[in-house]
PDB file of all heavy atoms in Angstrom:
ATOM      1  N   LEU A   1       4.597 -19.892   3.799  1.00  0.00           N
ATOM      2  CA  LEU A   1       5.700 -20.632   4.455  1.00  0.00           C
ATOM      3  C   LEU A   1       6.948 -20.635   3.534  1.00  0.00           C
ATOM      4  O   LEU A   1       6.831 -20.617   2.352  1.00  0.00           O
ATOM      5  CB  LEU A   1       5.298 -22.088   4.736  1.00  0.00           C
ATOM      6  CG  LEU A   1       4.221 -22.274   5.769  1.00  0.00           C
ATOM      7  CD1 LEU A   1       3.736 -23.722   5.781  1.00  0.00           C
ATOM      8  CD2 LEU A   1       4.720 -21.893   7.167  1.00  0.00           C
ATOM      9  N   PRO A   2       8.148 -20.605   4.165  1.00  0.00           N
ATOM     10  CA  PRO A   2       9.372 -20.676   3.320  1.00  0.00           C
ATOM     11  C   PRO A   2       9.527 -22.084   2.769  1.00  0.00           C
ATOM     12  O   PRO A   2       8.906 -23.075   3.210  1.00  0.00           O
ATOM     13  CB  PRO A   2      10.446 -20.382   4.327  1.00  0.00           C
ATOM     14  CG  PRO A   2       9.896 -20.883   5.647  1.00  0.00           C
ATOM     15  CD  PRO A   2       8.428 -20.604   5.600  1.00  0.00           C
ATOM     16  N   SER A   3      10.439 -22.205   1.806  1.00  0.00           N
ATOM     17  CA  SER A   3      10.861 -23.512   1.317  1.00  0.00           C
ATOM     18  C   SER A   3      11.942 -24.122   2.163  1.00  0.00           C
ATOM     19  O   SER A   3      12.593 -23.346   2.911  1.00  0.00           O
ATOM     20  CB  SER A   3      11.302 -23.415  -0.138  1.00  0.00           C
ATOM     21  OG  SER A   3      12.476 -22.739  -0.250  1.00  0.00           O
ATOM     22  N   ASP A   4      12.218 -25.377   2.031  1.00  0.00           N
ATOM     23  CA  ASP A   4      13.381 -25.947   2.720  1.00  0.00           C
ATOM     24  C   ASP A   4      14.679 -25.305   2.322  1.00  0.00           C
ATOM     25  O   ASP A   4      15.579 -25.105   3.087  1.00  0.00           O
ATOM     26  CB  ASP A   4      13.424 -27.436   2.566  1.00  0.00           C
ATOM     27  CG  ASP A   4      13.500 -27.920   1.139  1.00  0.00           C
ATOM     28  OD1 ASP A   4      12.650 -27.399   0.289  1.00  0.00           O
ATOM     29  OD2 ASP A   4      14.406 -28.674   0.771  1.00  0.00           O
ATOM     30  N   ARG A   5      14.769 -24.879   0.999  1.00  0.00           N
ATOM     31  CA  ARG A   5      15.987 -24.267   0.535  1.00  0.00           C
ATOM     32  C   ARG A   5      16.213 -22.938   1.183  1.00  0.00           C
ATOM     33  O   ARG A   5      17.338 -22.553   1.552  1.00  0.00           O
ATOM     34  CB  ARG A   5      15.926 -24.107  -0.993  1.00  0.00           C
ATOM     35  CG  ARG A   5      16.083 -25.405  -1.784  1.00  0.00           C
ATOM     36  CD  ARG A   5      16.040 -25.184  -3.274  1.00  0.00           C
ATOM     37  NE  ARG A   5      16.276 -26.409  -3.996  1.00  0.00           N
ATOM     38  CZ  ARG A   5      15.423 -27.423  -4.145  1.00  0.00           C
ATOM     39  NH1 ARG A   5      14.187 -27.242  -3.660  1.00  0.00           N
ATOM     40  NH2 ARG A   5      15.720 -28.483  -4.856  1.00  0.00           N
ATOM     41  N   GLN A   6      15.136 -22.158   1.382  1.00  0.00           N
ATOM     42  CA  GLN A   6      15.231 -20.876   2.059  1.00  0.00           C
ATOM     43  C   GLN A   6      15.683 -21.022   3.493  1.00  0.00           C
ATOM     44  O   GLN A   6      16.573 -20.282   3.973  1.00  0.00           O
ATOM     45  CB  GLN A   6      13.885 -20.175   2.014  1.00  0.00           C
ATOM     46  CG  GLN A   6      13.453 -19.638   0.643  1.00  0.00           C
ATOM     47  CD  GLN A   6      12.048 -19.043   0.669  1.00  0.00           C
ATOM     48  OE1 GLN A   6      11.083 -19.740   0.842  1.00  0.00           O
ATOM     49  NE2 GLN A   6      11.966 -17.742   0.545  1.00  0.00           N
ATOM     50  N   VAL A   7      15.154 -21.995   4.199  1.00  0.00           N
ATOM     51  CA  VAL A   7      15.525 -22.264   5.620  1.00  0.00           C
ATOM     52  C   VAL A   7      17.012 -22.632   5.695  1.00  0.00           C
ATOM     53  O   VAL A   7      17.723 -22.170   6.569  1.00  0.00           O
ATOM     54  CB  VAL A   7      14.561 -23.283   6.231  1.00  0.00           C
ATOM     55  CG1 VAL A   7      15.137 -23.743   7.553  1.00  0.00           C
ATOM     56  CG2 VAL A   7      13.196 -22.763   6.362  1.00  0.00           C
ATOM     57  N   ILE A   8      17.425 -23.532   4.789  1.00  0.00           N
ATOM     58  CA  ILE A   8      18.852 -23.925   4.767  1.00  0.00           C
ATOM     59  C   ILE A   8      19.722 -22.757   4.546  1.00  0.00           C
ATOM     60  O   ILE A   8      20.809 -22.650   5.162  1.00  0.00           O
ATOM     61  CB  ILE A   8      19.049 -25.120   3.788  1.00  0.00           C
ATOM     62  CG1 ILE A   8      18.333 -26.366   4.276  1.00  0.00           C
ATOM     63  CG2 ILE A   8      20.541 -25.321   3.579  1.00  0.00           C
ATOM     64  CD1 ILE A   8      18.378 -27.507   3.261  1.00  0.00           C
ATOM     65  N   ARG A   9      19.384 -21.934   3.561  1.00  0.00           N
ATOM     66  CA  ARG A   9      20.193 -20.778   3.261  1.00  0.00           C
ATOM     67  C   ARG A   9      20.278 -19.792   4.442  1.00  0.00           C
ATOM     68  O   ARG A   9      21.302 -19.228   4.765  1.00  0.00           O
ATOM     69  CB  ARG A   9      19.607 -20.057   1.997  1.00  0.00           C
ATOM     70  CG  ARG A   9      20.489 -18.943   1.493  1.00  0.00           C
ATOM     71  CD  ARG A   9      20.090 -18.479   0.110  1.00  0.00           C
ATOM     72  NE  ARG A   9      18.686 -18.024   0.030  1.00  0.00           N
ATOM     73  CZ  ARG A   9      17.705 -18.683  -0.574  1.00  0.00           C
ATOM     74  NH1 ARG A   9      17.958 -19.807  -1.148  1.00  0.00           N
ATOM     75  NH2 ARG A   9      16.473 -18.258  -0.595  1.00  0.00           N
ATOM     76  N   LEU A  10      19.120 -19.607   5.112  1.00  0.00           N
ATOM     77  CA  LEU A  10      19.142 -18.695   6.247  1.00  0.00           C
ATOM     78  C   LEU A  10      19.987 -19.317   7.408  1.00  0.00           C
ATOM     79  O   LEU A  10      20.732 -18.645   8.077  1.00  0.00           O
ATOM     80  CB  LEU A  10      17.739 -18.500   6.805  1.00  0.00           C
ATOM     81  CG  LEU A  10      16.881 -17.566   5.932  1.00  0.00           C
ATOM     82  CD1 LEU A  10      15.361 -17.622   6.355  1.00  0.00           C
ATOM     83  CD2 LEU A  10      17.384 -16.124   5.987  1.00  0.00           C
ATOM     84  N   GLY A  11      19.854 -20.611   7.588  1.00  0.00           N
ATOM     85  CA  GLY A  11      20.542 -21.322   8.650  1.00  0.00           C
ATOM     86  C   GLY A  11      22.063 -21.251   8.455  1.00  0.00           C
ATOM     87  O   GLY A  11      22.841 -21.187   9.433  1.00  0.00           O
ATOM     88  N   ALA A  12      22.524 -21.240   7.245  1.00  0.00           N
ATOM     89  CA  ALA A  12      23.972 -21.162   6.884  1.00  0.00           C
ATOM     90  C   ALA A  12      24.562 -19.913   7.478  1.00  0.00           C
ATOM     91  O   ALA A  12      25.771 -19.824   7.730  1.00  0.00           O
ATOM     92  CB  ALA A  12      24.280 -21.366   5.491  1.00  0.00           C
ATOM     93  N   SER A  13      23.746 -18.800   7.563  1.00  0.00           N
ATOM     94  CA  SER A  13      24.222 -17.561   8.094  1.00  0.00           C
ATOM     95  C   SER A  13      23.678 -17.294   9.482  1.00  0.00           C
ATOM     96  O   SER A  13      23.527 -16.141   9.910  1.00  0.00           O
ATOM     97  CB  SER A  13      23.832 -16.403   7.128  1.00  0.00           C
ATOM     98  OG  SER A  13      22.436 -16.359   6.923  1.00  0.00           O
ATOM     99  N   ASN A  14      23.223 -18.379  10.200  1.00  0.00           N
ATOM    100  CA  ASN A  14      22.773 -18.282  11.532  1.00  0.00           C
ATOM    101  C   ASN A  14      21.542 -17.403  11.652  1.00  0.00           C
ATOM    102  O   ASN A  14      21.420 -16.669  12.648  1.00  0.00           O
ATOM    103  CB  ASN A  14      23.870 -17.829  12.492  1.00  0.00           C
ATOM    104  CG  ASN A  14      25.004 -18.779  12.603  1.00  0.00           C
ATOM    105  OD1 ASN A  14      24.758 -19.975  12.696  1.00  0.00           O
ATOM    106  ND2 ASN A  14      26.211 -18.283  12.565  1.00  0.00           N
ATOM    107  N   ARG A  15      20.668 -17.427  10.649  1.00  0.00           N
ATOM    108  CA  ARG A  15      19.412 -16.688  10.750  1.00  0.00           C
ATOM    109  C   ARG A  15      18.236 -17.723  10.719  1.00  0.00           C
ATOM    110  O   ARG A  15      18.416 -18.846  10.290  1.00  0.00           O
ATOM    111  CB  ARG A  15      19.297 -15.690   9.573  1.00  0.00           C
ATOM    112  CG  ARG A  15      20.300 -14.566   9.687  1.00  0.00           C
ATOM    113  CD  ARG A  15      20.030 -13.580   8.543  1.00  0.00           C
ATOM    114  NE  ARG A  15      20.371 -14.179   7.242  1.00  0.00           N
ATOM    115  CZ  ARG A  15      19.907 -13.677   6.096  1.00  0.00           C
ATOM    116  NH1 ARG A  15      19.060 -12.608   6.081  1.00  0.00           N
ATOM    117  NH2 ARG A  15      20.246 -14.301   4.937  1.00  0.00           N
ATOM    118  N   MET A  16      17.096 -17.249  11.174  1.00  0.00           N
ATOM    119  CA  MET A  16      15.950 -18.151  11.301  1.00  0.00           C
ATOM    120  C   MET A  16      14.708 -17.426  10.706  1.00  0.00           C
ATOM    121  O   MET A  16      14.446 -16.254  10.996  1.00  0.00           O
ATOM    122  CB  MET A  16      15.711 -18.547  12.728  1.00  0.00           C
ATOM    123  CG  MET A  16      14.453 -19.401  12.918  1.00  0.00           C
ATOM    124  SD  MET A  16      14.294 -19.944  14.704  1.00  0.00           S
ATOM    125  CE  MET A  16      13.896 -18.302  15.446  1.00  0.00           C
ATOM    126  N   HIS A  17      13.927 -18.106   9.902  1.00  0.00           N
ATOM    127  CA  HIS A  17      12.676 -17.579   9.379  1.00  0.00           C
ATOM    128  C   HIS A  17      11.692 -17.411  10.508  1.00  0.00           C
ATOM    129  O   HIS A  17      11.631 -18.274  11.377  1.00  0.00           O
ATOM    130  CB  HIS A  17      12.110 -18.512   8.305  1.00  0.00           C
ATOM    131  CG  HIS A  17      11.061 -17.898   7.496  1.00  0.00           C
ATOM    132  ND1 HIS A  17       9.707 -17.825   7.962  1.00  0.00           N
ATOM    133  CD2 HIS A  17      11.032 -17.333   6.289  1.00  0.00           C
ATOM    134  CE1 HIS A  17       9.004 -17.211   7.042  1.00  0.00           C
ATOM    135  NE2 HIS A  17       9.751 -16.907   5.999  1.00  0.00           N
ATOM    136  N   PRO A  18      10.917 -16.307  10.569  1.00  0.00           N
ATOM    137  CA  PRO A  18      10.039 -16.082  11.696  1.00  0.00           C
ATOM    138  C   PRO A  18       8.929 -17.167  11.885  1.00  0.00           C
ATOM    139  O   PRO A  18       8.436 -17.355  12.988  1.00  0.00           O
ATOM    140  CB  PRO A  18       9.435 -14.720  11.378  1.00  0.00           C
ATOM    141  CG  PRO A  18       9.689 -14.462   9.940  1.00  0.00           C
ATOM    142  CD  PRO A  18      10.929 -15.201   9.650  1.00  0.00           C
ATOM    143  N   LEU A  19       8.656 -17.916  10.812  1.00  0.00           N
ATOM    144  CA  LEU A  19       7.632 -18.906  10.919  1.00  0.00           C
ATOM    145  C   LEU A  19       8.175 -20.296  11.273  1.00  0.00           C
ATOM    146  O   LEU A  19       7.435 -21.298  11.352  1.00  0.00           O
ATOM    147  CB  LEU A  19       6.801 -19.018   9.632  1.00  0.00           C
ATOM    148  CG  LEU A  19       5.884 -17.791   9.342  1.00  0.00           C
ATOM    149  CD1 LEU A  19       5.151 -18.037   7.957  1.00  0.00           C
ATOM    150  CD2 LEU A  19       4.841 -17.620  10.459  1.00  0.00           C
ATOM    151  N   ALA A  20       9.460 -20.425  11.396  1.00  0.00           N
ATOM    152  CA  ALA A  20      10.104 -21.705  11.596  1.00  0.00           C
ATOM    153  C   ALA A  20       9.574 -22.455  12.812  1.00  0.00           C
ATOM    154  O   ALA A  20       9.130 -23.553  12.703  1.00  0.00           O
ATOM    155  CB  ALA A  20      11.635 -21.584  11.649  1.00  0.00           C
ATOM    156  N   LEU A  21       9.730 -21.852  13.967  1.00  0.00           N
ATOM    157  CA  LEU A  21       9.326 -22.530  15.234  1.00  0.00           C
ATOM    158  C   LEU A  21       7.832 -22.709  15.325  1.00  0.00           C
ATOM    159  O   LEU A  21       7.333 -23.743  15.738  1.00  0.00           O
ATOM    160  CB  LEU A  21       9.863 -21.798  16.427  1.00  0.00           C
ATOM    161  CG  LEU A  21      11.426 -21.789  16.491  1.00  0.00           C
ATOM    162  CD1 LEU A  21      11.901 -21.108  17.773  1.00  0.00           C
ATOM    163  CD2 LEU A  21      11.984 -23.234  16.494  1.00  0.00           C
ATOM    164  N   PRO A  22       6.997 -21.674  14.985  1.00  0.00           N
ATOM    165  CA  PRO A  22       5.567 -21.951  14.958  1.00  0.00           C
ATOM    166  C   PRO A  22       5.149 -23.073  14.037  1.00  0.00           C
ATOM    167  O   PRO A  22       4.248 -23.852  14.380  1.00  0.00           O
ATOM    168  CB  PRO A  22       4.997 -20.611  14.493  1.00  0.00           C
ATOM    169  CG  PRO A  22       5.988 -19.573  14.869  1.00  0.00           C
ATOM    170  CD  PRO A  22       7.329 -20.281  14.657  1.00  0.00           C
ATOM    171  N   PHE A  23       5.789 -23.209  12.919  1.00  0.00           N
ATOM    172  CA  PHE A  23       5.517 -24.286  11.950  1.00  0.00           C
ATOM    173  C   PHE A  23       5.815 -25.654  12.588  1.00  0.00           C
ATOM    174  O   PHE A  23       4.978 -26.547  12.549  1.00  0.00           O
ATOM    175  CB  PHE A  23       6.266 -24.104  10.672  1.00  0.00           C
ATOM    176  CG  PHE A  23       6.147 -25.303   9.706  1.00  0.00           C
ATOM    177  CD1 PHE A  23       4.971 -25.449   8.969  1.00  0.00           C
ATOM    178  CD2 PHE A  23       7.142 -26.293   9.663  1.00  0.00           C
ATOM    179  CE1 PHE A  23       4.863 -26.596   8.120  1.00  0.00           C
ATOM    180  CE2 PHE A  23       6.971 -27.364   8.823  1.00  0.00           C
ATOM    181  CZ  PHE A  23       5.878 -27.483   8.114  1.00  0.00           C
ATOM    182  N   LEU A  24       6.975 -25.780  13.236  1.00  0.00           N
ATOM    183  CA  LEU A  24       7.321 -27.075  13.866  1.00  0.00           C
ATOM    184  C   LEU A  24       6.375 -27.352  14.964  1.00  0.00           C
ATOM    185  O   LEU A  24       5.982 -28.502  15.154  1.00  0.00           O
ATOM    186  CB  LEU A  24       8.712 -26.969  14.430  1.00  0.00           C
ATOM    187  CG  LEU A  24       9.946 -27.250  13.468  1.00  0.00           C
ATOM    188  CD1 LEU A  24      11.182 -27.443  14.310  1.00  0.00           C
ATOM    189  CD2 LEU A  24       9.643 -28.444  12.563  1.00  0.00           C
ATOM    190  N   ALA A  25       5.979 -26.362  15.741  1.00  0.00           N
ATOM    191  CA  ALA A  25       4.990 -26.621  16.850  1.00  0.00           C
ATOM    192  C   ALA A  25       3.651 -27.054  16.261  1.00  0.00           C
ATOM    193  O   ALA A  25       3.039 -27.949  16.787  1.00  0.00           O
ATOM    194  CB  ALA A  25       4.819 -25.290  17.657  1.00  0.00           C
ATOM    195  N   GLY A  26       3.224 -26.473  15.124  1.00  0.00           N
ATOM    196  CA  GLY A  26       2.038 -26.861  14.520  1.00  0.00           C
ATOM    197  C   GLY A  26       2.083 -28.275  14.008  1.00  0.00           C
ATOM    198  O   GLY A  26       1.115 -29.025  14.103  1.00  0.00           O
ATOM    199  N   LEU A  27       3.178 -28.651  13.335  1.00  0.00           N
ATOM    200  CA  LEU A  27       3.336 -30.022  12.876  1.00  0.00           C
ATOM    201  C   LEU A  27       3.354 -31.043  14.001  1.00  0.00           C
ATOM    202  O   LEU A  27       2.719 -32.128  13.880  1.00  0.00           O
ATOM    203  CB  LEU A  27       4.619 -30.105  12.069  1.00  0.00           C
ATOM    204  CG  LEU A  27       4.828 -31.387  11.295  1.00  0.00           C
ATOM    205  CD1 LEU A  27       3.729 -31.663  10.256  1.00  0.00           C
ATOM    206  CD2 LEU A  27       6.202 -31.487  10.579  1.00  0.00           C
ATOM    207  N   GLU A  28       4.032 -30.733  15.071  1.00  0.00           N
ATOM    208  CA  GLU A  28       4.038 -31.638  16.216  1.00  0.00           C
ATOM    209  C   GLU A  28       2.623 -31.780  16.831  1.00  0.00           C
ATOM    210  O   GLU A  28       2.224 -32.862  17.224  1.00  0.00           O
ATOM    211  CB  GLU A  28       5.059 -31.155  17.259  1.00  0.00           C
ATOM    212  CG  GLU A  28       5.144 -32.008  18.501  1.00  0.00           C
ATOM    213  CD  GLU A  28       5.850 -33.361  18.239  1.00  0.00           C
ATOM    214  OE1 GLU A  28       6.207 -33.625  17.038  1.00  0.00           O
ATOM    215  OE2 GLU A  28       5.886 -34.198  19.121  1.00  0.00           O
ATOM    216  N   GLU A  29       1.863 -30.663  16.891  1.00  0.00           N
ATOM    217  CA  GLU A  29       0.561 -30.722  17.433  1.00  0.00           C
ATOM    218  C   GLU A  29      -0.310 -31.539  16.533  1.00  0.00           C
ATOM    219  O   GLU A  29      -1.137 -32.399  16.991  1.00  0.00           O
ATOM    220  CB  GLU A  29       0.045 -29.256  17.569  1.00  0.00           C
ATOM    221  CG  GLU A  29      -1.383 -29.192  18.102  1.00  0.00           C
ATOM    222  CD  GLU A  29      -1.618 -29.845  19.448  1.00  0.00           C
ATOM    223  OE1 GLU A  29      -0.568 -29.881  20.161  1.00  0.00           O
ATOM    224  OE2 GLU A  29      -2.749 -30.138  19.785  1.00  0.00           O
ATOM    225  N   ALA A  30      -0.157 -31.421  15.191  1.00  0.00           N
ATOM    226  CA  ALA A  30      -0.916 -32.228  14.265  1.00  0.00           C
ATOM    227  C   ALA A  30      -0.589 -33.693  14.422  1.00  0.00           C
ATOM    228  O   ALA A  30      -1.506 -34.518  14.403  1.00  0.00           O
ATOM    229  CB  ALA A  30      -0.699 -31.757  12.811  1.00  0.00           C
ATOM    230  N   ALA A  31       0.641 -33.967  14.627  1.00  0.00           N
ATOM    231  CA  ALA A  31       1.098 -35.400  14.762  1.00  0.00           C
ATOM    232  C   ALA A  31       0.605 -36.010  16.091  1.00  0.00           C
ATOM    233  O   ALA A  31       0.542 -37.219  16.241  1.00  0.00           O
ATOM    234  CB  ALA A  31       2.628 -35.488  14.712  1.00  0.00           C
ATOM    235  N   SER A  32       0.273 -35.167  17.047  1.00  0.00           N
ATOM    236  CA  SER A  32      -0.214 -35.683  18.355  1.00  0.00           C
ATOM    237  C   SER A  32      -1.668 -36.191  18.224  1.00  0.00           C
ATOM    238  O   SER A  32      -2.127 -36.952  19.092  1.00  0.00           O
ATOM    239  CB  SER A  32      -0.142 -34.612  19.424  1.00  0.00           C
ATOM    240  OG  SER A  32      -1.072 -33.555  19.138  1.00  0.00           O
ATOM    241  N   THR A  33      -2.380 -35.774  17.208  1.00  0.00           N
ATOM    242  CA  THR A  33      -3.771 -36.189  17.035  1.00  0.00           C
ATOM    243  C   THR A  33      -3.995 -37.236  15.998  1.00  0.00           C
ATOM    244  O   THR A  33      -4.905 -38.039  16.066  1.00  0.00           O
ATOM    245  CB  THR A  33      -4.630 -34.962  16.654  1.00  0.00           C
ATOM    246  OG1 THR A  33      -4.098 -34.384  15.428  1.00  0.00           O
ATOM    247  CG2 THR A  33      -4.621 -33.911  17.735  1.00  0.00           C
ATOM    248  N   ALA A  34      -3.040 -37.330  15.032  1.00  0.00           N
ATOM    249  CA  ALA A  34      -3.137 -38.368  14.026  1.00  0.00           C
ATOM    250  C   ALA A  34      -1.726 -38.691  13.483  1.00  0.00           C
ATOM    251  O   ALA A  34      -0.970 -37.694  13.218  1.00  0.00           O
ATOM    252  CB  ALA A  34      -4.017 -37.908  12.827  1.00  0.00           C
ATOM    253  N   PRO A  35      -1.319 -39.951  13.364  1.00  0.00           N
ATOM    254  CA  PRO A  35      -0.009 -40.265  12.859  1.00  0.00           C
ATOM    255  C   PRO A  35       0.249 -39.560  11.501  1.00  0.00           C
ATOM    256  O   PRO A  35      -0.644 -39.525  10.647  1.00  0.00           O
ATOM    257  CB  PRO A  35      -0.017 -41.799  12.732  1.00  0.00           C
ATOM    258  CG  PRO A  35      -1.074 -42.242  13.722  1.00  0.00           C
ATOM    259  CD  PRO A  35      -2.111 -41.124  13.693  1.00  0.00           C
ATOM    260  N   ILE A  36       1.467 -39.052  11.282  1.00  0.00           N
ATOM    261  CA  ILE A  36       1.775 -38.372  10.056  1.00  0.00           C
ATOM    262  C   ILE A  36       1.510 -39.272   8.814  1.00  0.00           C
ATOM    263  O   ILE A  36       1.022 -38.780   7.818  1.00  0.00           O
ATOM    264  CB  ILE A  36       3.237 -37.926  10.041  1.00  0.00           C
ATOM    265  CG1 ILE A  36       3.510 -36.865  11.135  1.00  0.00           C
ATOM    266  CG2 ILE A  36       3.680 -37.427   8.693  1.00  0.00           C
ATOM    267  CD1 ILE A  36       2.793 -35.576  10.817  1.00  0.00           C
ATOM    268  N   GLY A  37       1.775 -40.563   8.905  1.00  0.00           N
ATOM    269  CA  GLY A  37       1.563 -41.424   7.788  1.00  0.00           C
ATOM    270  C   GLY A  37       0.104 -41.557   7.429  1.00  0.00           C
ATOM    271  O   GLY A  37      -0.157 -41.963   6.302  1.00  0.00           O
ATOM    272  N   GLU A  38      -0.808 -41.184   8.298  1.00  0.00           N
ATOM    273  CA  GLU A  38      -2.251 -41.260   8.003  1.00  0.00           C
ATOM    274  C   GLU A  38      -2.843 -39.938   7.543  1.00  0.00           C
ATOM    275  O   GLU A  38      -4.011 -39.830   7.299  1.00  0.00           O
ATOM    276  CB  GLU A  38      -2.968 -41.805   9.294  1.00  0.00           C
ATOM    277  CG  GLU A  38      -2.550 -43.207   9.676  1.00  0.00           C
ATOM    278  CD  GLU A  38      -3.248 -43.650  10.944  1.00  0.00           C
ATOM    279  OE1 GLU A  38      -4.142 -42.957  11.402  1.00  0.00           O
ATOM    280  OE2 GLU A  38      -2.925 -44.743  11.415  1.00  0.00           O
TER     281      GLU A  38
END
């Protein structure tokens, strides 16, 4: 996975890491089964 710095650097030039959206989908799916704080 990229770092947050890599994603910000790519975003500044209107580019997106290929794992960006799958990662967000995975995190949201994980949060649907257990609260992030837990």
